[in-house]
Amino acid sequence: VAIVDFAIQNNIKILVGTSGWSKDKLDALRDKMVGKSATVVVIPNFSIGSVLATKFAAEAAKYFDAIEIIETHHTKKLDAPSGTALFTAQEISAARKGRDAKPVTAGNPAPVFNGVPITSLRIEDAHAEQEVLMAGPNETLYFKHVVDSHEVYAQGLLLAMRKSPGRTGLTVGLLNLLEEK
């Protein structure tokens, strides 16, 4: 955070990759930028596929009452649930206008974040994987994203580096850069 504060105070453009910043932290950052000409681009996830899966899941979530997120990572990952799972839950909650989701799996003891149950699995040698399950009467919809190589993050990073220089103010999320013409 200190380097971002330095960039804002000195009107420097900065690209930050982190999934750990809450809405409150981003709002505080936005407030610090008032009257400054700095550019701060915060990308919680550099995977284009992950960003699109979250977008599609949030749109579909408007039409289902039962929703769960299951995310899997390697055992060395420190956070659980992942920042991406928390962001996905936040986007689903926003799309549902705060209506809590029922769990898809009856009796699921998973903790609930932003009204969405999230199950976090940490498995030796697992790659990054996130699945959003939605269920309605007689149907189940799955949005699943799997990272097989860390190379996918390089593509999103290159996109962010190409699109960031022309921006001003605070931009949060790779989707905002993807959708830019």
N, C-alpha and C. Protein backbone atom coordinates (compact mmCIF):
# COMPACT_ATOMS: atom_id res chain seq x y z
N VAL A 1 0.82 -1.19 0.00
CA VAL A 1 0.00 0.00 0.00
C VAL A 1 0.87 1.26 0.00
N ALA A 2 2.01 1.22 0.65
CA ALA A 2 2.88 2.40 0.72
C ALA A 2 3.32 2.84 -0.67
N ILE A 3 3.63 1.88 -1.54
CA ILE A 3 4.08 2.25 -2.88
C ILE A 3 2.93 2.87 -3.69
N VAL A 4 1.70 2.41 -3.45
CA VAL A 4 0.54 2.99 -4.13
C VAL A 4 0.31 4.41 -3.62
N ASP A 5 0.42 4.62 -2.32
CA ASP A 5 0.29 5.97 -1.76
C ASP A 5 1.35 6.90 -2.34
N PHE A 6 2.58 6.40 -2.47
CA PHE A 6 3.66 7.19 -3.07
C PHE A 6 3.31 7.56 -4.51
N ALA A 7 2.79 6.59 -5.27
CA ALA A 7 2.43 6.85 -6.67
C ALA A 7 1.34 7.91 -6.76
N ILE A 8 0.35 7.84 -5.89
CA ILE A 8 -0.74 8.82 -5.91
C ILE A 8 -0.21 10.21 -5.57
N GLN A 9 0.59 10.31 -4.51
CA GLN A 9 1.12 11.61 -4.09
C GLN A 9 2.01 12.24 -5.15
N ASN A 10 2.66 11.41 -5.96
CA ASN A 10 3.59 11.91 -6.97
C ASN A 10 3.04 11.81 -8.38
N ASN A 11 1.72 11.59 -8.49
CA ASN A 11 1.04 11.53 -9.79
C ASN A 11 1.70 10.56 -10.77
N ILE A 12 1.99 9.38 -10.28
CA ILE A 12 2.63 8.33 -11.07
C ILE A 12 1.59 7.29 -11.45
N LYS A 13 1.74 6.71 -12.63
CA LYS A 13 0.88 5.60 -13.06
C LYS A 13 1.42 4.30 -12.47
N ILE A 14 0.51 3.48 -11.92
CA ILE A 14 0.94 2.23 -11.31
C ILE A 14 -0.08 1.12 -11.60
N LEU A 15 0.44 -0.06 -11.88
CA LEU A 15 -0.37 -1.26 -12.10
C LEU A 15 -0.13 -2.20 -10.93
N VAL A 16 -1.21 -2.59 -10.24
CA VAL A 16 -1.12 -3.43 -9.05
C VAL A 16 -1.87 -4.73 -9.29
N GLY A 17 -1.23 -5.84 -8.99
CA GLY A 17 -1.89 -7.14 -9.08
C GLY A 17 -2.13 -7.68 -7.68
N THR A 18 -3.37 -7.62 -7.21
CA THR A 18 -3.71 -8.17 -5.89
C THR A 18 -5.19 -8.48 -5.83
N SER A 19 -5.53 -9.57 -5.17
CA SER A 19 -6.94 -9.91 -4.99
C SER A 19 -7.39 -9.66 -3.56
N GLY A 20 -6.50 -9.14 -2.74
CA GLY A 20 -6.80 -9.02 -1.32
C GLY A 20 -7.38 -7.69 -0.88
N TRP A 21 -7.75 -6.82 -1.79
CA TRP A 21 -8.24 -5.51 -1.38
C TRP A 21 -9.76 -5.49 -1.36
N SER A 22 -10.32 -5.10 -0.24
CA SER A 22 -11.77 -5.05 -0.05
C SER A 22 -12.35 -3.82 -0.75
N LYS A 23 -13.67 -3.79 -0.86
CA LYS A 23 -14.36 -2.64 -1.42
C LYS A 23 -14.04 -1.39 -0.60
N ASP A 24 -14.00 -1.53 0.72
CA ASP A 24 -13.68 -0.38 1.59
C ASP A 24 -12.28 0.16 1.30
N LYS A 25 -11.33 -0.74 1.10
CA LYS A 25 -9.96 -0.32 0.81
C LYS A 25 -9.89 0.39 -0.54
N LEU A 26 -10.63 -0.13 -1.52
CA LEU A 26 -10.65 0.50 -2.85
C LEU A 26 -11.35 1.86 -2.79
N ASP A 27 -12.42 1.97 -1.99
CA ASP A 27 -13.10 3.26 -1.82
C ASP A 27 -12.16 4.28 -1.17
N ALA A 28 -11.38 3.84 -0.18
CA ALA A 28 -10.41 4.73 0.47
C ALA A 28 -9.34 5.17 -0.53
N LEU A 29 -8.92 4.26 -1.38
CA LEU A 29 -7.94 4.58 -2.42
C LEU A 29 -8.53 5.61 -3.39
N ARG A 30 -9.78 5.42 -3.77
CA ARG A 30 -10.46 6.35 -4.67
C ARG A 30 -10.50 7.75 -4.04
N ASP A 31 -10.78 7.80 -2.74
CA ASP A 31 -10.82 9.09 -2.02
C ASP A 31 -9.45 9.77 -2.02
N LYS A 32 -8.39 8.99 -1.84
CA LYS A 32 -7.03 9.55 -1.84
C LYS A 32 -6.67 10.16 -3.20
N MET A 33 -7.31 9.68 -4.26
CA MET A 33 -6.96 10.11 -5.60
C MET A 33 -7.66 11.40 -6.03
N VAL A 34 -8.60 11.88 -5.22
CA VAL A 34 -9.31 13.11 -5.56
C VAL A 34 -8.31 14.25 -5.71
N GLY A 35 -8.38 14.95 -6.83
CA GLY A 35 -7.49 16.07 -7.08
C GLY A 35 -6.10 15.68 -7.56
N LYS A 36 -5.86 14.41 -7.75
CA LYS A 36 -4.55 13.93 -8.22
C LYS A 36 -4.67 13.48 -9.67
N SER A 37 -3.57 13.48 -10.38
CA SER A 37 -3.59 13.01 -11.77
C SER A 37 -2.94 11.63 -11.91
N ALA A 38 -2.77 10.95 -10.80
CA ALA A 38 -2.19 9.60 -10.83
C ALA A 38 -3.17 8.62 -11.47
N THR A 39 -2.63 7.53 -11.97
CA THR A 39 -3.42 6.42 -12.49
C THR A 39 -3.08 5.19 -11.68
N VAL A 40 -4.10 4.55 -11.12
CA VAL A 40 -3.91 3.29 -10.40
C VAL A 40 -4.82 2.25 -11.05
N VAL A 41 -4.22 1.18 -11.54
CA VAL A 41 -4.96 0.07 -12.12
C VAL A 41 -4.74 -1.13 -11.21
N VAL A 42 -5.82 -1.63 -10.61
CA VAL A 42 -5.76 -2.77 -9.69
C VAL A 42 -6.40 -3.97 -10.38
N ILE A 43 -5.62 -5.02 -10.55
CA ILE A 43 -6.11 -6.23 -11.21
C ILE A 43 -6.10 -7.37 -10.19
N PRO A 44 -7.29 -7.79 -9.72
CA PRO A 44 -7.35 -8.90 -8.77
C PRO A 44 -6.97 -10.25 -9.37
N ASN A 45 -7.21 -10.44 -10.66
CA ASN A 45 -6.89 -11.72 -11.29
C ASN A 45 -6.52 -11.45 -12.75
N PHE A 46 -5.34 -11.88 -13.15
CA PHE A 46 -4.87 -11.65 -14.52
C PHE A 46 -5.33 -12.72 -15.51
N SER A 47 -6.10 -13.69 -15.07
CA SER A 47 -6.60 -14.73 -15.97
C SER A 47 -7.85 -14.25 -16.69
N ILE A 48 -7.77 -14.15 -18.00
CA ILE A 48 -8.91 -13.70 -18.80
C ILE A 48 -10.09 -14.67 -18.63
N GLY A 49 -9.81 -15.97 -18.65
CA GLY A 49 -10.87 -16.97 -18.48
C GLY A 49 -11.57 -16.86 -17.14
N SER A 50 -10.81 -16.63 -16.09
CA SER A 50 -11.40 -16.50 -14.76
C SER A 50 -12.30 -15.28 -14.68
N VAL A 51 -11.84 -14.18 -15.24
CA VAL A 51 -12.62 -12.94 -15.22
C VAL A 51 -13.93 -13.13 -15.98
N LEU A 52 -13.86 -13.79 -17.13
CA LEU A 52 -15.08 -14.02 -17.91
C LEU A 52 -16.02 -15.00 -17.21
N ALA A 53 -15.47 -16.04 -16.58
CA ALA A 53 -16.31 -17.00 -15.85
C ALA A 53 -17.07 -16.29 -14.73
N THR A 54 -16.41 -15.37 -14.04
CA THR A 54 -17.07 -14.61 -12.98
C THR A 54 -18.18 -13.74 -13.56
N LYS A 55 -17.91 -13.08 -14.68
CA LYS A 55 -18.93 -12.24 -15.32
C LYS A 55 -20.15 -13.06 -15.70
N PHE A 56 -19.93 -14.21 -16.34
CA PHE A 56 -21.04 -15.05 -16.79
C PHE A 56 -21.82 -15.61 -15.59
N ALA A 57 -21.10 -16.01 -14.55
CA ALA A 57 -21.76 -16.56 -13.35
C ALA A 57 -22.62 -15.49 -12.68
N ALA A 58 -22.11 -14.28 -12.59
CA ALA A 58 -22.89 -13.19 -11.97
C ALA A 58 -24.17 -12.93 -12.76
N GLU A 59 -24.08 -12.96 -14.06
CA GLU A 59 -25.28 -12.75 -14.88
C GLU A 59 -26.29 -13.87 -14.67
N ALA A 60 -25.84 -15.10 -14.68
CA ALA A 60 -26.74 -16.25 -14.51
C ALA A 60 -27.33 -16.31 -13.10
N ALA A 61 -26.60 -15.81 -12.12
CA ALA A 61 -27.03 -15.89 -10.72
C ALA A 61 -28.35 -15.17 -10.45
N LYS A 62 -28.71 -14.26 -11.32
CA LYS A 62 -29.98 -13.54 -11.16
C LYS A 62 -31.17 -14.50 -11.26
N TYR A 63 -30.95 -15.63 -11.92
CA TYR A 63 -32.06 -16.52 -12.28
C TYR A 63 -32.10 -17.82 -11.48
N PHE A 64 -31.19 -17.99 -10.51
CA PHE A 64 -31.14 -19.20 -9.71
C PHE A 64 -31.15 -18.83 -8.23
N ASP A 65 -31.83 -19.66 -7.42
CA ASP A 65 -31.86 -19.41 -5.98
C ASP A 65 -30.74 -20.13 -5.24
N ALA A 66 -30.29 -21.28 -5.77
CA ALA A 66 -29.26 -22.08 -5.11
C ALA A 66 -27.93 -21.90 -5.84
N ILE A 67 -26.93 -21.42 -5.12
CA ILE A 67 -25.63 -21.12 -5.72
C ILE A 67 -24.53 -21.50 -4.73
N GLU A 68 -23.45 -22.06 -5.23
CA GLU A 68 -22.27 -22.35 -4.42
C GLU A 68 -21.02 -22.12 -5.26
N ILE A 69 -19.94 -21.79 -4.58
CA ILE A 69 -18.62 -21.70 -5.21
C ILE A 69 -17.74 -22.76 -4.56
N ILE A 70 -17.05 -23.52 -5.40
CA ILE A 70 -16.05 -24.48 -4.91
C ILE A 70 -14.73 -24.10 -5.57
N GLU A 71 -13.74 -23.77 -4.76
CA GLU A 71 -12.44 -23.39 -5.32
C GLU A 71 -11.36 -24.31 -4.77
N THR A 72 -10.43 -24.65 -5.66
CA THR A 72 -9.35 -25.59 -5.32
C THR A 72 -8.01 -24.97 -5.70
N HIS A 73 -7.05 -25.08 -4.79
CA HIS A 73 -5.68 -24.63 -5.06
C HIS A 73 -4.71 -25.58 -4.38
N HIS A 74 -3.43 -25.37 -4.62
CA HIS A 74 -2.37 -26.16 -4.00
C HIS A 74 -2.29 -25.87 -2.50
N THR A 75 -1.63 -26.74 -1.78
CA THR A 75 -1.56 -26.62 -0.32
C THR A 75 -0.72 -25.45 0.17
N LYS A 76 0.08 -24.85 -0.70
CA LYS A 76 0.91 -23.72 -0.28
C LYS A 76 0.16 -22.38 -0.37
N LYS A 77 -1.02 -22.38 -0.96
CA LYS A 77 -1.80 -21.15 -1.04
C LYS A 77 -2.26 -20.77 0.37
N LEU A 78 -1.97 -19.55 0.76
CA LEU A 78 -2.20 -19.13 2.14
C LEU A 78 -3.64 -18.74 2.43
N ASP A 79 -4.33 -18.14 1.47
CA ASP A 79 -5.68 -17.67 1.76
C ASP A 79 -6.73 -18.70 1.36
N ALA A 80 -7.77 -18.78 2.15
CA ALA A 80 -8.90 -19.65 1.86
C ALA A 80 -10.13 -19.02 2.51
N PRO A 81 -11.10 -18.64 1.75
CA PRO A 81 -11.19 -18.78 0.31
C PRO A 81 -10.25 -17.83 -0.42
N SER A 82 -10.04 -18.12 -1.68
CA SER A 82 -9.16 -17.29 -2.50
C SER A 82 -9.81 -15.93 -2.74
N GLY A 83 -8.98 -14.96 -3.08
CA GLY A 83 -9.49 -13.64 -3.43
C GLY A 83 -10.43 -13.69 -4.61
N THR A 84 -10.14 -14.58 -5.55
CA THR A 84 -11.01 -14.72 -6.73
C THR A 84 -12.38 -15.25 -6.33
N ALA A 85 -12.43 -16.23 -5.42
CA ALA A 85 -13.72 -16.75 -4.96
C ALA A 85 -14.50 -15.66 -4.22
N LEU A 86 -13.82 -14.89 -3.39
CA LEU A 86 -14.49 -13.80 -2.67
C LEU A 86 -15.02 -12.75 -3.64
N PHE A 87 -14.23 -12.43 -4.67
CA PHE A 87 -14.66 -11.46 -5.67
C PHE A 87 -15.86 -12.00 -6.45
N THR A 88 -15.82 -13.28 -6.80
CA THR A 88 -16.94 -13.89 -7.51
C THR A 88 -18.20 -13.82 -6.66
N ALA A 89 -18.09 -14.12 -5.37
CA ALA A 89 -19.25 -14.02 -4.47
C ALA A 89 -19.77 -12.59 -4.40
N GLN A 90 -18.86 -11.63 -4.37
CA GLN A 90 -19.25 -10.22 -4.33
C GLN A 90 -20.01 -9.83 -5.60
N GLU A 91 -19.52 -10.28 -6.76
CA GLU A 91 -20.18 -9.96 -8.03
C GLU A 91 -21.54 -10.65 -8.13
N ILE A 92 -21.63 -11.88 -7.65
CA ILE A 92 -22.91 -12.60 -7.64
C ILE A 92 -23.90 -11.87 -6.74
N SER A 93 -23.45 -11.47 -5.56
CA SER A 93 -24.30 -10.75 -4.62
C SER A 93 -24.81 -9.44 -5.22
N ALA A 94 -23.92 -8.72 -5.90
CA ALA A 94 -24.32 -7.45 -6.53
C ALA A 94 -25.37 -7.71 -7.61
N ALA A 95 -25.16 -8.74 -8.42
CA ALA A 95 -26.11 -9.07 -9.48
C ALA A 95 -27.47 -9.47 -8.91
N ARG A 96 -27.44 -10.12 -7.74
CA ARG A 96 -28.67 -10.57 -7.08
C ARG A 96 -29.24 -9.49 -6.16
N LYS A 97 -28.62 -8.32 -6.19
CA LYS A 97 -29.05 -7.19 -5.36
C LYS A 97 -29.13 -7.57 -3.87
N GLY A 98 -28.11 -8.35 -3.44
CA GLY A 98 -27.98 -8.70 -2.04
C GLY A 98 -28.81 -9.89 -1.57
N ARG A 99 -29.62 -10.48 -2.45
CA ARG A 99 -30.41 -11.66 -2.04
C ARG A 99 -29.45 -12.83 -1.79
N ASP A 100 -29.50 -13.39 -0.59
CA ASP A 100 -28.64 -14.53 -0.26
C ASP A 100 -29.02 -15.74 -1.10
N ALA A 101 -28.01 -16.53 -1.44
CA ALA A 101 -28.23 -17.76 -2.19
C ALA A 101 -28.39 -18.92 -1.22
N LYS A 102 -29.24 -19.87 -1.59
CA LYS A 102 -29.32 -21.12 -0.84
C LYS A 102 -28.18 -22.00 -1.34
N PRO A 103 -27.63 -22.88 -0.49
CA PRO A 103 -26.61 -23.79 -1.00
C PRO A 103 -27.20 -24.80 -1.98
N VAL A 104 -26.43 -25.19 -2.96
CA VAL A 104 -26.85 -26.21 -3.92
C VAL A 104 -26.90 -27.57 -3.23
N THR A 105 -25.89 -27.83 -2.41
CA THR A 105 -25.77 -29.10 -1.70
C THR A 105 -26.50 -29.01 -0.36
N ALA A 106 -27.49 -29.84 -0.17
CA ALA A 106 -28.26 -29.82 1.08
C ALA A 106 -27.33 -30.05 2.28
N GLY A 107 -27.46 -29.21 3.29
CA GLY A 107 -26.66 -29.36 4.49
C GLY A 107 -25.21 -28.94 4.35
N ASN A 108 -24.87 -28.23 3.30
CA ASN A 108 -23.48 -27.79 3.09
C ASN A 108 -23.05 -26.89 4.24
N PRO A 109 -21.98 -27.27 4.95
CA PRO A 109 -21.52 -26.45 6.08
C PRO A 109 -20.56 -25.33 5.66
N ALA A 110 -20.43 -25.09 4.37
CA ALA A 110 -19.46 -24.09 3.88
C ALA A 110 -19.77 -22.71 4.44
N PRO A 111 -18.73 -21.95 4.78
CA PRO A 111 -18.95 -20.58 5.22
C PRO A 111 -19.56 -19.75 4.09
N VAL A 112 -20.32 -18.74 4.46
CA VAL A 112 -21.02 -17.90 3.49
C VAL A 112 -20.35 -16.54 3.44
N PHE A 113 -20.05 -16.09 2.23
CA PHE A 113 -19.44 -14.78 2.00
C PHE A 113 -20.32 -14.03 1.01
N ASN A 114 -20.72 -12.82 1.35
CA ASN A 114 -21.60 -12.03 0.49
C ASN A 114 -22.83 -12.83 0.08
N GLY A 115 -23.34 -13.65 0.98
CA GLY A 115 -24.55 -14.40 0.71
C GLY A 115 -24.37 -15.65 -0.13
N VAL A 116 -23.11 -16.03 -0.41
CA VAL A 116 -22.84 -17.19 -1.26
C VAL A 116 -21.93 -18.18 -0.51
N PRO A 117 -22.34 -19.45 -0.38
CA PRO A 117 -21.46 -20.44 0.25
C PRO A 117 -20.21 -20.69 -0.60
N ILE A 118 -19.05 -20.74 0.06
CA ILE A 118 -17.79 -21.02 -0.64
C ILE A 118 -17.08 -22.17 0.07
N THR A 119 -16.80 -23.21 -0.69
CA THR A 119 -16.01 -24.33 -0.19
C THR A 119 -14.60 -24.19 -0.75
N SER A 120 -13.60 -24.21 0.13
CA SER A 120 -12.20 -24.08 -0.27
C SER A 120 -11.48 -25.40 -0.05
N LEU A 121 -10.86 -25.90 -1.10
CA LEU A 121 -10.08 -27.14 -1.02
C LEU A 121 -8.62 -26.81 -1.28
N ARG A 122 -7.73 -27.37 -0.47
CA ARG A 122 -6.29 -27.22 -0.68
C ARG A 122 -5.72 -28.62 -0.85
N ILE A 123 -5.28 -28.92 -2.07
CA ILE A 123 -4.84 -30.26 -2.44
C ILE A 123 -3.42 -30.19 -2.99
N GLU A 124 -2.57 -31.09 -2.52
CA GLU A 124 -1.18 -31.14 -2.98
C GLU A 124 -1.12 -31.18 -4.51
N ASP A 125 -0.30 -30.34 -5.10
CA ASP A 125 -0.06 -30.29 -6.55
C ASP A 125 -1.28 -29.90 -7.39
N ALA A 126 -2.33 -29.39 -6.79
CA ALA A 126 -3.50 -28.96 -7.55
C ALA A 126 -3.20 -27.65 -8.26
N HIS A 127 -3.82 -27.45 -9.39
CA HIS A 127 -3.76 -26.16 -10.07
C HIS A 127 -4.92 -25.31 -9.58
N ALA A 128 -4.96 -24.07 -10.00
CA ALA A 128 -6.07 -23.19 -9.63
C ALA A 128 -7.33 -23.62 -10.37
N GLU A 129 -8.41 -23.75 -9.61
CA GLU A 129 -9.68 -24.17 -10.20
C GLU A 129 -10.82 -23.54 -9.42
N GLN A 130 -11.81 -23.05 -10.13
CA GLN A 130 -12.99 -22.52 -9.47
C GLN A 130 -14.23 -22.97 -10.23
N GLU A 131 -15.21 -23.43 -9.48
CA GLU A 131 -16.47 -23.86 -10.07
C GLU A 131 -17.60 -23.15 -9.35
N VAL A 132 -18.50 -22.57 -10.12
CA VAL A 132 -19.71 -21.96 -9.57
C VAL A 132 -20.87 -22.85 -10.00
N LEU A 133 -21.59 -23.38 -9.02
CA LEU A 133 -22.73 -24.24 -9.28
C LEU A 133 -24.00 -23.46 -9.00
N MET A 134 -24.98 -23.62 -9.88
CA MET A 134 -26.29 -23.00 -9.69
C MET A 134 -27.34 -24.06 -9.96
N ALA A 135 -28.36 -24.10 -9.13
CA ALA A 135 -29.39 -25.11 -9.30
C ALA A 135 -30.78 -24.50 -9.24
N GLY A 136 -31.62 -25.01 -10.10
CA GLY A 136 -33.03 -24.68 -10.11
C GLY A 136 -33.80 -25.99 -10.21
N PRO A 137 -35.10 -25.92 -10.27
CA PRO A 137 -35.88 -27.15 -10.39
C PRO A 137 -35.44 -27.97 -11.61
N ASN A 138 -34.96 -29.16 -11.36
CA ASN A 138 -34.60 -30.13 -12.41
C ASN A 138 -33.45 -29.71 -13.31
N GLU A 139 -32.61 -28.78 -12.86
CA GLU A 139 -31.44 -28.42 -13.67
C GLU A 139 -30.32 -27.87 -12.80
N THR A 140 -29.10 -28.06 -13.28
CA THR A 140 -27.91 -27.52 -12.62
C THR A 140 -27.03 -26.90 -13.68
N LEU A 141 -26.53 -25.71 -13.39
CA LEU A 141 -25.64 -25.00 -14.30
C LEU A 141 -24.28 -24.88 -13.64
N TYR A 142 -23.21 -25.16 -14.39
CA TYR A 142 -21.85 -25.10 -13.87
C TYR A 142 -21.03 -24.09 -14.68
N PHE A 143 -20.29 -23.26 -13.99
CA PHE A 143 -19.27 -22.42 -14.61
C PHE A 143 -17.96 -22.87 -13.99
N LYS A 144 -17.09 -23.47 -14.78
CA LYS A 144 -15.84 -24.00 -14.25
C LYS A 144 -14.67 -23.41 -15.00
N HIS A 145 -13.69 -22.95 -14.24
CA HIS A 145 -12.46 -22.42 -14.83
C HIS A 145 -11.28 -23.15 -14.21
N VAL A 146 -10.39 -23.64 -15.05
CA VAL A 146 -9.21 -24.38 -14.59
C VAL A 146 -7.97 -23.75 -15.21
N VAL A 147 -6.98 -23.47 -14.38
CA VAL A 147 -5.68 -22.98 -14.86
C VAL A 147 -4.73 -24.17 -14.89
N ASP A 148 -4.23 -24.48 -16.08
CA ASP A 148 -3.29 -25.59 -16.24
C ASP A 148 -1.84 -25.13 -16.20
N SER A 149 -1.63 -23.83 -16.38
CA SER A 149 -0.27 -23.28 -16.39
C SER A 149 -0.33 -21.83 -15.96
N HIS A 150 0.69 -21.38 -15.28
CA HIS A 150 0.75 -19.98 -14.87
C HIS A 150 0.91 -19.04 -16.06
N GLU A 151 1.15 -19.58 -17.24
CA GLU A 151 1.29 -18.76 -18.44
C GLU A 151 0.02 -17.96 -18.74
N VAL A 152 -1.15 -18.46 -18.30
CA VAL A 152 -2.39 -17.73 -18.57
C VAL A 152 -2.36 -16.34 -17.93
N TYR A 153 -1.69 -16.21 -16.80
CA TYR A 153 -1.63 -14.92 -16.13
C TYR A 153 -0.78 -13.92 -16.92
N ALA A 154 0.18 -14.41 -17.66
CA ALA A 154 1.02 -13.54 -18.48
C ALA A 154 0.19 -12.84 -19.56
N GLN A 155 -0.78 -13.55 -20.13
CA GLN A 155 -1.62 -12.94 -21.17
C GLN A 155 -2.43 -11.77 -20.60
N GLY A 156 -2.98 -11.96 -19.42
CA GLY A 156 -3.73 -10.88 -18.78
C GLY A 156 -2.84 -9.73 -18.36
N LEU A 157 -1.64 -10.05 -17.89
CA LEU A 157 -0.68 -9.02 -17.52
C LEU A 157 -0.29 -8.18 -18.73
N LEU A 158 -0.02 -8.84 -19.85
CA LEU A 158 0.32 -8.11 -21.08
C LEU A 158 -0.84 -7.22 -21.53
N LEU A 159 -2.06 -7.72 -21.44
CA LEU A 159 -3.23 -6.92 -21.78
C LEU A 159 -3.30 -5.69 -20.88
N ALA A 160 -3.12 -5.89 -19.58
CA ALA A 160 -3.17 -4.77 -18.63
C ALA A 160 -2.08 -3.75 -18.90
N MET A 161 -0.90 -4.23 -19.25
CA MET A 161 0.22 -3.32 -19.55
C MET A 161 -0.06 -2.52 -20.82
N ARG A 162 -0.70 -3.14 -21.80
CA ARG A 162 -1.03 -2.44 -23.05
C ARG A 162 -2.12 -1.39 -22.84
N LYS A 163 -3.11 -1.72 -22.03
CA LYS A 163 -4.29 -0.85 -21.91
C LYS A 163 -4.20 0.18 -20.78
N SER A 164 -3.31 0.00 -19.83
CA SER A 164 -3.23 0.90 -18.67
C SER A 164 -2.71 2.29 -18.98
N PRO A 165 -1.71 2.46 -19.84
CA PRO A 165 -1.13 3.80 -20.01
C PRO A 165 -2.11 4.90 -20.40
N GLY A 166 -3.15 4.59 -21.15
CA GLY A 166 -4.09 5.62 -21.58
C GLY A 166 -5.18 5.93 -20.56
N ARG A 167 -5.17 5.28 -19.43
CA ARG A 167 -6.23 5.46 -18.43
C ARG A 167 -5.86 6.54 -17.42
N THR A 168 -6.88 7.08 -16.76
CA THR A 168 -6.66 8.01 -15.66
C THR A 168 -7.53 7.57 -14.49
N GLY A 169 -7.16 7.99 -13.30
CA GLY A 169 -7.93 7.65 -12.11
C GLY A 169 -7.74 6.20 -11.69
N LEU A 170 -8.75 5.65 -11.04
CA LEU A 170 -8.69 4.28 -10.53
C LEU A 170 -9.49 3.35 -11.44
N THR A 171 -8.87 2.28 -11.85
CA THR A 171 -9.53 1.21 -12.60
C THR A 171 -9.34 -0.07 -11.81
N VAL A 172 -10.42 -0.81 -11.60
CA VAL A 172 -10.34 -2.07 -10.87
C VAL A 172 -10.87 -3.19 -11.75
N GLY A 173 -10.03 -4.18 -11.99
CA GLY A 173 -10.47 -5.38 -12.69
C GLY A 173 -10.07 -5.45 -14.15
N LEU A 174 -9.65 -6.63 -14.55
CA LEU A 174 -9.25 -6.89 -15.93
C LEU A 174 -10.43 -6.75 -16.89
N LEU A 175 -11.64 -7.05 -16.42
CA LEU A 175 -12.81 -6.96 -17.28
C LEU A 175 -12.99 -5.54 -17.83
N ASN A 176 -12.71 -4.53 -17.02
CA ASN A 176 -12.81 -3.15 -17.49
C ASN A 176 -11.85 -2.89 -18.65
N LEU A 177 -10.69 -3.52 -18.63
CA LEU A 177 -9.73 -3.36 -19.72
C LEU A 177 -10.13 -4.20 -20.92
N LEU A 178 -10.66 -5.40 -20.68
CA LEU A 178 -11.11 -6.27 -21.78
C LEU A 178 -12.23 -5.61 -22.58
N GLU A 179 -13.15 -4.97 -21.88
CA GLU A 179 -14.32 -4.40 -22.54
C GLU A 179 -14.05 -3.03 -23.16
N GLU A 180 -12.88 -2.49 -22.91
CA GLU A 180 -12.50 -1.20 -23.48
C GLU A 180 -12.23 -1.37 -24.98
N LYS A 181 -12.73 -0.48 -25.76
CA LYS A 181 -12.52 -0.54 -27.22
C LYS A 181 -11.15 -0.06 -27.58
